[in-house]
ModelCIF file with pLDDT and N, C-alpha, C, O atoms, coordinates in Angstrom:
data_MODEL
#
_entry.id   MODEL 
#
_entity.id                         1 
_entity.type                       polymer 
_entity.pdbx_number_of_molecules   1 
#
_entity_poly.entity_id                      1 
_entity_poly.type                           'polypeptide(L)' 
_entity_poly.nstd_linkage                   no 
_entity_poly.nstd_monomer                   no 
_entity_poly.pdbx_seq_one_letter_code       HLLRVGLLLQNTLINNKEGSKKDLEIITLAGFGHDSLEDTNVK 
_entity_poly.pdbx_seq_one_letter_code_can   HLLRVGLLLQNTLINNKEGSKKDLEIITLAGFGHDSLEDTNVK 
_entity_poly.pdbx_strand_id                 A 
#
loop_
_entity_poly_seq.entity_id 
_entity_poly_seq.num 
_entity_poly_seq.mon_id 
_entity_poly_seq.hetero 
1 1  HIS n 
1 2  LEU n 
1 3  LEU n 
1 4  ARG n 
1 5  VAL n 
1 6  GLY n 
1 7  LEU n 
1 8  LEU n 
1 9  LEU n 
1 10 GLN n 
1 11 ASN n 
1 12 THR n 
1 13 LEU n 
1 14 ILE n 
1 15 ASN n 
1 16 ASN n 
1 17 LYS n 
1 18 GLU n 
1 19 GLY n 
1 20 SER n 
1 21 LYS n 
1 22 LYS n 
1 23 ASP n 
1 24 LEU n 
1 25 GLU n 
1 26 ILE n 
1 27 ILE n 
1 28 THR n 
1 29 LEU n 
1 30 ALA n 
1 31 GLY n 
1 32 PHE n 
1 33 GLY n 
1 34 HIS n 
1 35 ASP n 
1 36 SER n 
1 37 LEU n 
1 38 GLU n 
1 39 ASP n 
1 40 THR n 
1 41 ASN n 
1 42 VAL n 
1 43 LYS n 
#
_struct_asym.id          A 
_struct_asym.entity_id   1 
#
loop_
_ma_qa_metric.id 
_ma_qa_metric.mode 
_ma_qa_metric.name 
_ma_qa_metric.software_group_id 
_ma_qa_metric.type 
1 global pLDDT . pLDDT 
2 local  pLDDT . pLDDT 
#
_ma_qa_metric_global.metric_id      1 
_ma_qa_metric_global.metric_value   96.42 
_ma_qa_metric_global.model_id       1 
_ma_qa_metric_global.ordinal_id     1 
#
loop_
_ma_qa_metric_local.label_asym_id 
_ma_qa_metric_local.label_comp_id 
_ma_qa_metric_local.label_seq_id 
_ma_qa_metric_local.metric_id 
_ma_qa_metric_local.metric_value 
_ma_qa_metric_local.model_id 
_ma_qa_metric_local.ordinal_id 
A HIS 1  2 96.00 1 1  
A LEU 2  2 97.00 1 2  
A LEU 3  2 97.00 1 3  
A ARG 4  2 97.00 1 4  
A VAL 5  2 97.00 1 5  
A GLY 6  2 98.00 1 6  
A LEU 7  2 98.00 1 7  
A LEU 8  2 98.00 1 8  
A LEU 9  2 97.00 1 9  
A GLN 10 2 97.00 1 10 
A ASN 11 2 97.00 1 11 
A THR 12 2 97.00 1 12 
A LEU 13 2 97.00 1 13 
A ILE 14 2 97.00 1 14 
A ASN 15 2 97.00 1 15 
A ASN 16 2 97.00 1 16 
A LYS 17 2 96.00 1 17 
A GLU 18 2 95.00 1 18 
A GLY 19 2 93.00 1 19 
A SER 20 2 96.00 1 20 
A LYS 21 2 95.00 1 21 
A LYS 22 2 96.00 1 22 
A ASP 23 2 96.00 1 23 
A LEU 24 2 97.00 1 24 
A GLU 25 2 97.00 1 25 
A ILE 26 2 98.00 1 26 
A ILE 27 2 97.00 1 27 
A THR 28 2 98.00 1 28 
A LEU 29 2 98.00 1 29 
A ALA 30 2 98.00 1 30 
A GLY 31 2 98.00 1 31 
A PHE 32 2 98.00 1 32 
A GLY 33 2 98.00 1 33 
A HIS 34 2 96.00 1 34 
A ASP 35 2 94.00 1 35 
A SER 36 2 96.00 1 36 
A LEU 37 2 95.00 1 37 
A GLU 38 2 91.00 1 38 
A ASP 39 2 92.00 1 39 
A THR 40 2 95.00 1 40 
A ASN 41 2 95.00 1 41 
A VAL 42 2 97.00 1 42 
A LYS 43 2 97.00 1 43 
#
loop_
_atom_site.group_PDB 
_atom_site.id 
_atom_site.type_symbol 
_atom_site.label_atom_id 
_atom_site.label_alt_id 
_atom_site.label_comp_id 
_atom_site.label_asym_id 
_atom_site.label_entity_id 
_atom_site.label_seq_id 
_atom_site.pdbx_PDB_ins_code 
_atom_site.Cartn_x 
_atom_site.Cartn_y 
_atom_site.Cartn_z 
_atom_site.occupancy 
_atom_site.B_iso_or_equiv 
_atom_site.pdbx_formal_charge 
_atom_site.auth_seq_id 
_atom_site.auth_comp_id 
_atom_site.auth_asym_id 
_atom_site.auth_atom_id 
_atom_site.pdbx_PDB_model_num 
ATOM 1   N N  . HIS A 1 1  ? 9.960  20.001 -16.973 1.00 96.00 ? 1  HIS A N  1 
ATOM 2   C CA . HIS A 1 1  ? 11.000 20.816 -16.260 1.00 96.00 ? 1  HIS A CA 1 
ATOM 3   C C  . HIS A 1 1  ? 11.699 19.704 -15.327 1.00 96.00 ? 1  HIS A C  1 
ATOM 4   O O  . HIS A 1 1  ? 12.780 19.122 -15.416 1.00 96.00 ? 1  HIS A O  1 
ATOM 5   N N  . LEU A 1 2  ? 10.750 19.653 -14.489 1.00 97.00 ? 2  LEU A N  1 
ATOM 6   C CA . LEU A 1 2  ? 10.948 18.751 -13.488 1.00 97.00 ? 2  LEU A CA 1 
ATOM 7   C C  . LEU A 1 2  ? 11.239 17.229 -13.766 1.00 97.00 ? 2  LEU A C  1 
ATOM 8   O O  . LEU A 1 2  ? 11.676 16.610 -12.796 1.00 97.00 ? 2  LEU A O  1 
ATOM 9   N N  . LEU A 1 3  ? 11.066 16.533 -14.930 1.00 97.00 ? 3  LEU A N  1 
ATOM 10  C CA . LEU A 1 3  ? 11.612 15.097 -15.319 1.00 97.00 ? 3  LEU A CA 1 
ATOM 11  C C  . LEU A 1 3  ? 13.095 15.731 -16.248 1.00 97.00 ? 3  LEU A C  1 
ATOM 12  O O  . LEU A 1 3  ? 13.879 14.849 -16.598 1.00 97.00 ? 3  LEU A O  1 
ATOM 13  N N  . ARG A 1 4  ? 13.321 16.627 -16.482 1.00 97.00 ? 4  ARG A N  1 
ATOM 14  C CA . ARG A 1 4  ? 14.767 17.306 -16.960 1.00 97.00 ? 4  ARG A CA 1 
ATOM 15  C C  . ARG A 1 4  ? 15.768 16.965 -15.661 1.00 97.00 ? 4  ARG A C  1 
ATOM 16  O O  . ARG A 1 4  ? 16.695 16.159 -15.588 1.00 97.00 ? 4  ARG A O  1 
ATOM 17  N N  . VAL A 1 5  ? 15.296 17.763 -14.798 1.00 97.00 ? 5  VAL A N  1 
ATOM 18  C CA . VAL A 1 5  ? 15.909 17.985 -13.908 1.00 97.00 ? 5  VAL A CA 1 
ATOM 19  C C  . VAL A 1 5  ? 16.126 16.930 -13.003 1.00 97.00 ? 5  VAL A C  1 
ATOM 20  O O  . VAL A 1 5  ? 17.272 16.852 -12.561 1.00 97.00 ? 5  VAL A O  1 
ATOM 21  N N  . GLY A 1 6  ? 15.023 15.817 -12.490 1.00 98.00 ? 6  GLY A N  1 
ATOM 22  C CA . GLY A 1 6  ? 15.219 14.378 -12.041 1.00 98.00 ? 6  GLY A CA 1 
ATOM 23  C C  . GLY A 1 6  ? 16.268 13.308 -13.040 1.00 98.00 ? 6  GLY A C  1 
ATOM 24  O O  . GLY A 1 6  ? 17.240 12.638 -12.690 1.00 98.00 ? 6  GLY A O  1 
ATOM 25  N N  . LEU A 1 7  ? 15.941 13.390 -13.729 1.00 98.00 ? 7  LEU A N  1 
ATOM 26  C CA . LEU A 1 7  ? 17.024 12.910 -15.557 1.00 98.00 ? 7  LEU A CA 1 
ATOM 27  C C  . LEU A 1 7  ? 18.198 13.343 -15.199 1.00 98.00 ? 7  LEU A C  1 
ATOM 28  O O  . LEU A 1 7  ? 19.030 12.537 -14.782 1.00 98.00 ? 7  LEU A O  1 
ATOM 29  N N  . LEU A 1 8  ? 18.461 14.594 -15.290 1.00 98.00 ? 8  LEU A N  1 
ATOM 30  C CA . LEU A 1 8  ? 19.552 14.854 -15.495 1.00 98.00 ? 8  LEU A CA 1 
ATOM 31  C C  . LEU A 1 8  ? 20.572 14.851 -14.386 1.00 98.00 ? 8  LEU A C  1 
ATOM 32  O O  . LEU A 1 8  ? 21.760 15.115 -14.574 1.00 98.00 ? 8  LEU A O  1 
ATOM 33  N N  . LEU A 1 9  ? 20.022 14.526 -13.171 1.00 97.00 ? 9  LEU A N  1 
ATOM 34  C CA . LEU A 1 9  ? 20.755 14.112 -11.659 1.00 97.00 ? 9  LEU A CA 1 
ATOM 35  C C  . LEU A 1 9  ? 20.959 12.706 -11.987 1.00 97.00 ? 9  LEU A C  1 
ATOM 36  O O  . LEU A 1 9  ? 22.059 12.166 -12.110 1.00 97.00 ? 9  LEU A O  1 
ATOM 37  N N  . GLN A 1 10 ? 19.811 12.150 -12.120 1.00 97.00 ? 10 GLN A N  1 
ATOM 38  C CA . GLN A 1 10 ? 20.400 10.255 -12.179 1.00 97.00 ? 10 GLN A CA 1 
ATOM 39  C C  . GLN A 1 10 ? 21.316 10.059 -13.360 1.00 97.00 ? 10 GLN A C  1 
ATOM 40  O O  . GLN A 1 10 ? 22.032 9.058  -13.323 1.00 97.00 ? 10 GLN A O  1 
ATOM 41  N N  . ASN A 1 11 ? 21.406 10.875 -14.423 1.00 97.00 ? 11 ASN A N  1 
ATOM 42  C CA . ASN A 1 11 ? 22.250 10.438 -15.248 1.00 97.00 ? 11 ASN A CA 1 
ATOM 43  C C  . ASN A 1 11 ? 23.624 10.686 -14.994 1.00 97.00 ? 11 ASN A C  1 
ATOM 44  O O  . ASN A 1 11 ? 24.424 9.765  -15.163 1.00 97.00 ? 11 ASN A O  1 
ATOM 45  N N  . THR A 1 12 ? 24.201 12.352 -14.421 1.00 97.00 ? 12 THR A N  1 
ATOM 46  C CA . THR A 1 12 ? 25.370 12.495 -13.602 1.00 97.00 ? 12 THR A CA 1 
ATOM 47  C C  . THR A 1 12 ? 25.939 11.287 -13.005 1.00 97.00 ? 12 THR A C  1 
ATOM 48  O O  . THR A 1 12 ? 27.088 10.903 -13.224 1.00 97.00 ? 12 THR A O  1 
ATOM 49  N N  . LEU A 1 13 ? 24.967 10.614 -12.128 1.00 97.00 ? 13 LEU A N  1 
ATOM 50  C CA . LEU A 1 13 ? 25.453 10.079 -10.866 1.00 97.00 ? 13 LEU A CA 1 
ATOM 51  C C  . LEU A 1 13 ? 25.601 8.646  -11.510 1.00 97.00 ? 13 LEU A C  1 
ATOM 52  O O  . LEU A 1 13 ? 26.651 8.050  -11.271 1.00 97.00 ? 13 LEU A O  1 
ATOM 53  N N  . ILE A 1 14 ? 24.896 8.191  -12.099 1.00 97.00 ? 14 ILE A N  1 
ATOM 54  C CA . ILE A 1 14 ? 25.192 6.812  -12.834 1.00 97.00 ? 14 ILE A CA 1 
ATOM 55  C C  . ILE A 1 14 ? 26.133 7.382  -13.955 1.00 97.00 ? 14 ILE A C  1 
ATOM 56  O O  . ILE A 1 14 ? 26.962 7.415  -13.046 1.00 97.00 ? 14 ILE A O  1 
ATOM 57  N N  . ASN A 1 15 ? 26.662 7.758  -14.813 1.00 97.00 ? 15 ASN A N  1 
ATOM 58  C CA . ASN A 1 15 ? 27.784 8.335  -15.775 1.00 97.00 ? 15 ASN A CA 1 
ATOM 59  C C  . ASN A 1 15 ? 29.134 8.280  -14.688 1.00 97.00 ? 15 ASN A C  1 
ATOM 60  O O  . ASN A 1 15 ? 30.258 7.966  -15.080 1.00 97.00 ? 15 ASN A O  1 
ATOM 61  N N  . ASN A 1 16 ? 28.865 8.590  -13.470 1.00 97.00 ? 16 ASN A N  1 
ATOM 62  C CA . ASN A 1 16 ? 30.083 8.839  -13.229 1.00 97.00 ? 16 ASN A CA 1 
ATOM 63  C C  . ASN A 1 16 ? 30.332 7.868  -11.989 1.00 97.00 ? 16 ASN A C  1 
ATOM 64  O O  . ASN A 1 16 ? 31.349 8.156  -11.358 1.00 97.00 ? 16 ASN A O  1 
ATOM 65  N N  . LYS A 1 17 ? 29.631 6.808  -11.525 1.00 96.00 ? 17 LYS A N  1 
ATOM 66  C CA . LYS A 1 17 ? 28.920 5.861  -10.857 1.00 96.00 ? 17 LYS A CA 1 
ATOM 67  C C  . LYS A 1 17 ? 29.924 6.433  -9.865  1.00 96.00 ? 17 LYS A C  1 
ATOM 68  O O  . LYS A 1 17 ? 31.120 6.235  -9.657  1.00 96.00 ? 17 LYS A O  1 
ATOM 69  N N  . GLU A 1 18 ? 28.496 7.629  -9.049  1.00 95.00 ? 18 GLU A N  1 
ATOM 70  C CA . GLU A 1 18 ? 28.555 8.014  -7.833  1.00 95.00 ? 18 GLU A CA 1 
ATOM 71  C C  . GLU A 1 18 ? 27.465 7.483  -7.251  1.00 95.00 ? 18 GLU A C  1 
ATOM 72  O O  . GLU A 1 18 ? 26.545 7.114  -7.981  1.00 95.00 ? 18 GLU A O  1 
ATOM 73  N N  . GLY A 1 19 ? 27.348 7.323  -5.626  1.00 93.00 ? 19 GLY A N  1 
ATOM 74  C CA . GLY A 1 19 ? 26.277 6.605  -5.009  1.00 93.00 ? 19 GLY A CA 1 
ATOM 75  C C  . GLY A 1 19 ? 26.001 5.441  -4.867  1.00 93.00 ? 19 GLY A C  1 
ATOM 76  O O  . GLY A 1 19 ? 26.681 4.803  -5.670  1.00 93.00 ? 19 GLY A O  1 
ATOM 77  N N  . SER A 1 20 ? 25.348 4.768  -4.260  1.00 96.00 ? 20 SER A N  1 
ATOM 78  C CA . SER A 1 20 ? 23.931 3.604  -3.881  1.00 96.00 ? 20 SER A CA 1 
ATOM 79  C C  . SER A 1 20 ? 22.905 3.508  -4.671  1.00 96.00 ? 20 SER A C  1 
ATOM 80  O O  . SER A 1 20 ? 22.744 4.412  -5.490  1.00 96.00 ? 20 SER A O  1 
ATOM 81  N N  . LYS A 1 21 ? 22.397 2.912  -4.645  1.00 95.00 ? 21 LYS A N  1 
ATOM 82  C CA . LYS A 1 21 ? 21.276 2.246  -5.525  1.00 95.00 ? 21 LYS A CA 1 
ATOM 83  C C  . LYS A 1 21 ? 20.290 3.552  -5.094  1.00 95.00 ? 21 LYS A C  1 
ATOM 84  O O  . LYS A 1 21 ? 19.788 4.362  -5.874  1.00 95.00 ? 21 LYS A O  1 
ATOM 85  N N  . LYS A 1 22 ? 20.128 3.509  -3.244  1.00 96.00 ? 22 LYS A N  1 
ATOM 86  C CA . LYS A 1 22 ? 19.284 3.945  -2.644  1.00 96.00 ? 22 LYS A CA 1 
ATOM 87  C C  . LYS A 1 22 ? 19.782 5.969  -2.874  1.00 96.00 ? 22 LYS A C  1 
ATOM 88  O O  . LYS A 1 22 ? 18.897 6.824  -2.923  1.00 96.00 ? 22 LYS A O  1 
ATOM 89  N N  . ASP A 1 23 ? 21.245 6.309  -2.973  1.00 96.00 ? 23 ASP A N  1 
ATOM 90  C CA . ASP A 1 23 ? 20.984 7.746  -3.206  1.00 96.00 ? 23 ASP A CA 1 
ATOM 91  C C  . ASP A 1 23 ? 20.708 7.933  -4.585  1.00 96.00 ? 23 ASP A C  1 
ATOM 92  O O  . ASP A 1 23 ? 20.516 9.045  -5.076  1.00 96.00 ? 23 ASP A O  1 
ATOM 93  N N  . LEU A 1 24 ? 20.686 6.879  -5.211  1.00 97.00 ? 24 LEU A N  1 
ATOM 94  C CA . LEU A 1 24 ? 20.109 7.497  -7.008  1.00 97.00 ? 24 LEU A CA 1 
ATOM 95  C C  . LEU A 1 24 ? 18.773 7.704  -6.648  1.00 97.00 ? 24 LEU A C  1 
ATOM 96  O O  . LEU A 1 24 ? 18.183 8.724  -7.002  1.00 97.00 ? 24 LEU A O  1 
ATOM 97  N N  . GLU A 1 25 ? 18.196 6.758  -5.920  1.00 97.00 ? 25 GLU A N  1 
ATOM 98  C CA . GLU A 1 25 ? 16.715 6.898  -5.548  1.00 97.00 ? 25 GLU A CA 1 
ATOM 99  C C  . GLU A 1 25 ? 16.353 8.335  -5.203  1.00 97.00 ? 25 GLU A C  1 
ATOM 100 O O  . GLU A 1 25 ? 15.612 9.072  -5.854  1.00 97.00 ? 25 GLU A O  1 
ATOM 101 N N  . ILE A 1 26 ? 17.068 8.646  -3.946  1.00 98.00 ? 26 ILE A N  1 
ATOM 102 C CA . ILE A 1 26 ? 16.825 9.874  -3.057  1.00 98.00 ? 26 ILE A CA 1 
ATOM 103 C C  . ILE A 1 26 ? 17.105 11.200 -3.942  1.00 98.00 ? 26 ILE A C  1 
ATOM 104 O O  . ILE A 1 26 ? 16.177 12.006 -4.011  1.00 98.00 ? 26 ILE A O  1 
ATOM 105 N N  . ILE A 1 27 ? 18.088 11.438 -4.499  1.00 97.00 ? 27 ILE A N  1 
ATOM 106 C CA . ILE A 1 27 ? 18.437 12.438 -5.653  1.00 97.00 ? 27 ILE A CA 1 
ATOM 107 C C  . ILE A 1 27 ? 17.764 12.560 -7.023  1.00 97.00 ? 27 ILE A C  1 
ATOM 108 O O  . ILE A 1 27 ? 17.532 13.581 -7.670  1.00 97.00 ? 27 ILE A O  1 
ATOM 109 N N  . THR A 1 28 ? 17.531 11.405 -7.284  1.00 98.00 ? 28 THR A N  1 
ATOM 110 C CA . THR A 1 28 ? 16.403 11.795 -8.473  1.00 98.00 ? 28 THR A CA 1 
ATOM 111 C C  . THR A 1 28 ? 15.224 12.054 -8.090  1.00 98.00 ? 28 THR A C  1 
ATOM 112 O O  . THR A 1 28 ? 14.568 13.016 -8.489  1.00 98.00 ? 28 THR A O  1 
ATOM 113 N N  . LEU A 1 29 ? 14.825 11.156 -7.223  1.00 98.00 ? 29 LEU A N  1 
ATOM 114 C CA . LEU A 1 29 ? 12.682 12.319 -6.530  1.00 98.00 ? 29 LEU A CA 1 
ATOM 115 C C  . LEU A 1 29 ? 13.371 13.646 -5.779  1.00 98.00 ? 29 LEU A C  1 
ATOM 116 O O  . LEU A 1 29 ? 12.611 14.212 -4.993  1.00 98.00 ? 29 LEU A O  1 
ATOM 117 N N  . ALA A 1 30 ? 14.184 13.992 -5.864  1.00 98.00 ? 30 ALA A N  1 
ATOM 118 C CA . ALA A 1 30 ? 14.361 15.285 -4.788  1.00 98.00 ? 30 ALA A CA 1 
ATOM 119 C C  . ALA A 1 30 ? 14.605 16.246 -6.092  1.00 98.00 ? 30 ALA A C  1 
ATOM 120 O O  . ALA A 1 30 ? 14.209 17.411 -6.073  1.00 98.00 ? 30 ALA A O  1 
ATOM 121 N N  . GLY A 1 31 ? 15.448 15.555 -7.508  1.00 98.00 ? 31 GLY A N  1 
ATOM 122 C CA . GLY A 1 31 ? 15.608 16.267 -8.646  1.00 98.00 ? 31 GLY A CA 1 
ATOM 123 C C  . GLY A 1 31 ? 13.588 16.475 -9.427  1.00 98.00 ? 31 GLY A C  1 
ATOM 124 O O  . GLY A 1 31 ? 13.264 17.614 -9.764  1.00 98.00 ? 31 GLY A O  1 
ATOM 125 N N  . PHE A 1 32 ? 12.837 15.649 -9.545  1.00 98.00 ? 32 PHE A N  1 
ATOM 126 C CA . PHE A 1 32 ? 11.485 15.953 -9.097  1.00 98.00 ? 32 PHE A CA 1 
ATOM 127 C C  . PHE A 1 32 ? 11.427 16.880 -8.784  1.00 98.00 ? 32 PHE A C  1 
ATOM 128 O O  . PHE A 1 32 ? 11.481 17.955 -9.382  1.00 98.00 ? 32 PHE A O  1 
ATOM 129 N N  . GLY A 1 33 ? 11.254 16.514 -7.367  1.00 98.00 ? 33 GLY A N  1 
ATOM 130 C CA . GLY A 1 33 ? 10.174 17.495 -6.647  1.00 98.00 ? 33 GLY A CA 1 
ATOM 131 C C  . GLY A 1 33 ? 10.989 18.847 -6.349  1.00 98.00 ? 33 GLY A C  1 
ATOM 132 O O  . GLY A 1 33 ? 10.469 19.632 -5.555  1.00 98.00 ? 33 GLY A O  1 
ATOM 133 N N  . HIS A 1 34 ? 12.174 19.168 -6.900  1.00 96.00 ? 34 HIS A N  1 
ATOM 134 C CA . HIS A 1 34 ? 12.482 20.692 -6.353  1.00 96.00 ? 34 HIS A CA 1 
ATOM 135 C C  . HIS A 1 34 ? 12.014 21.559 -6.346  1.00 96.00 ? 34 HIS A C  1 
ATOM 136 O O  . HIS A 1 34 ? 12.272 22.476 -5.566  1.00 96.00 ? 34 HIS A O  1 
ATOM 137 N N  . ASP A 1 35 ? 11.079 21.575 -7.294  1.00 94.00 ? 35 ASP A N  1 
ATOM 138 C CA . ASP A 1 35 ? 10.245 23.527 -7.379  1.00 94.00 ? 35 ASP A CA 1 
ATOM 139 C C  . ASP A 1 35 ? 8.488  22.745 -6.285  1.00 94.00 ? 35 ASP A C  1 
ATOM 140 O O  . ASP A 1 35 ? 7.349  23.051 -6.640  1.00 94.00 ? 35 ASP A O  1 
ATOM 141 N N  . SER A 1 36 ? 8.655  22.182 -5.555  1.00 96.00 ? 36 SER A N  1 
ATOM 142 C CA . SER A 1 36 ? 7.116  21.441 -4.946  1.00 96.00 ? 36 SER A CA 1 
ATOM 143 C C  . SER A 1 36 ? 6.821  22.555 -3.697  1.00 96.00 ? 36 SER A C  1 
ATOM 144 O O  . SER A 1 36 ? 5.844  23.286 -3.531  1.00 96.00 ? 36 SER A O  1 
ATOM 145 N N  . LEU A 1 37 ? 7.646  22.446 -3.155  1.00 95.00 ? 37 LEU A N  1 
ATOM 146 C CA . LEU A 1 37 ? 7.351  23.163 -1.981  1.00 95.00 ? 37 LEU A CA 1 
ATOM 147 C C  . LEU A 1 37 ? 7.374  24.935 -2.397  1.00 95.00 ? 37 LEU A C  1 
ATOM 148 O O  . LEU A 1 37 ? 6.676  25.723 -1.760  1.00 95.00 ? 37 LEU A O  1 
ATOM 149 N N  . GLU A 1 38 ? 8.131  25.316 -3.359  1.00 91.00 ? 38 GLU A N  1 
ATOM 150 C CA . GLU A 1 38 ? 8.231  26.646 -3.563  1.00 91.00 ? 38 GLU A CA 1 
ATOM 151 C C  . GLU A 1 38 ? 7.238  27.298 -4.939  1.00 91.00 ? 38 GLU A C  1 
ATOM 152 O O  . GLU A 1 38 ? 7.250  28.509 -5.158  1.00 91.00 ? 38 GLU A O  1 
ATOM 153 N N  . ASP A 1 39 ? 6.465  26.406 -5.740  1.00 92.00 ? 39 ASP A N  1 
ATOM 154 C CA . ASP A 1 39 ? 5.512  26.831 -6.598  1.00 92.00 ? 39 ASP A CA 1 
ATOM 155 C C  . ASP A 1 39 ? 4.075  25.908 -6.072  1.00 92.00 ? 39 ASP A C  1 
ATOM 156 O O  . ASP A 1 39 ? 3.106  26.135 -6.797  1.00 92.00 ? 39 ASP A O  1 
ATOM 157 N N  . THR A 1 40 ? 3.864  25.126 -5.173  1.00 95.00 ? 40 THR A N  1 
ATOM 158 C CA . THR A 1 40 ? 2.586  24.333 -4.979  1.00 95.00 ? 40 THR A CA 1 
ATOM 159 C C  . THR A 1 40 ? 2.386  25.092 -3.943  1.00 95.00 ? 40 THR A C  1 
ATOM 160 O O  . THR A 1 40 ? 2.584  26.270 -3.645  1.00 95.00 ? 40 THR A O  1 
ATOM 161 N N  . ASN A 1 41 ? 1.777  23.788 -3.267  1.00 95.00 ? 41 ASN A N  1 
ATOM 162 C CA . ASN A 1 41 ? 0.495  24.053 -2.085  1.00 95.00 ? 41 ASN A CA 1 
ATOM 163 C C  . ASN A 1 41 ? 0.680  22.706 -0.779  1.00 95.00 ? 41 ASN A C  1 
ATOM 164 O O  . ASN A 1 41 ? 0.082  22.359 0.240   1.00 95.00 ? 41 ASN A O  1 
ATOM 165 N N  . VAL A 1 42 ? 1.984  22.240 -1.636  1.00 97.00 ? 42 VAL A N  1 
ATOM 166 C CA . VAL A 1 42 ? 2.198  21.407 -1.098  1.00 97.00 ? 42 VAL A CA 1 
ATOM 167 C C  . VAL A 1 42 ? 3.497  21.466 0.396   1.00 97.00 ? 42 VAL A C  1 
ATOM 168 O O  . VAL A 1 42 ? 4.577  22.055 0.458   1.00 97.00 ? 42 VAL A O  1 
ATOM 169 N N  . LYS A 1 43 ? 2.822  20.639 1.363   1.00 97.00 ? 43 LYS A N  1 
ATOM 170 C CA . LYS A 1 43 ? 3.502  21.105 2.882   1.00 97.00 ? 43 LYS A CA 1 
ATOM 171 C C  . LYS A 1 43 ? 5.061  20.267 2.653   1.00 97.00 ? 43 LYS A C  1 
ATOM 172 O O  . LYS A 1 43 ? 5.924  20.318 3.529   1.00 97.00 ? 43 LYS A O  1 
#
């Protein structure tokens, strides 16, 4: 699920030609990690 969310965000940005390369990286990583604070012990 984490992979799907991150790749969905990445593909949406690429297909719509939105954001910089750095924006793409930030948003994709956030998509991969979107449940980490909620569902794990990471701080």
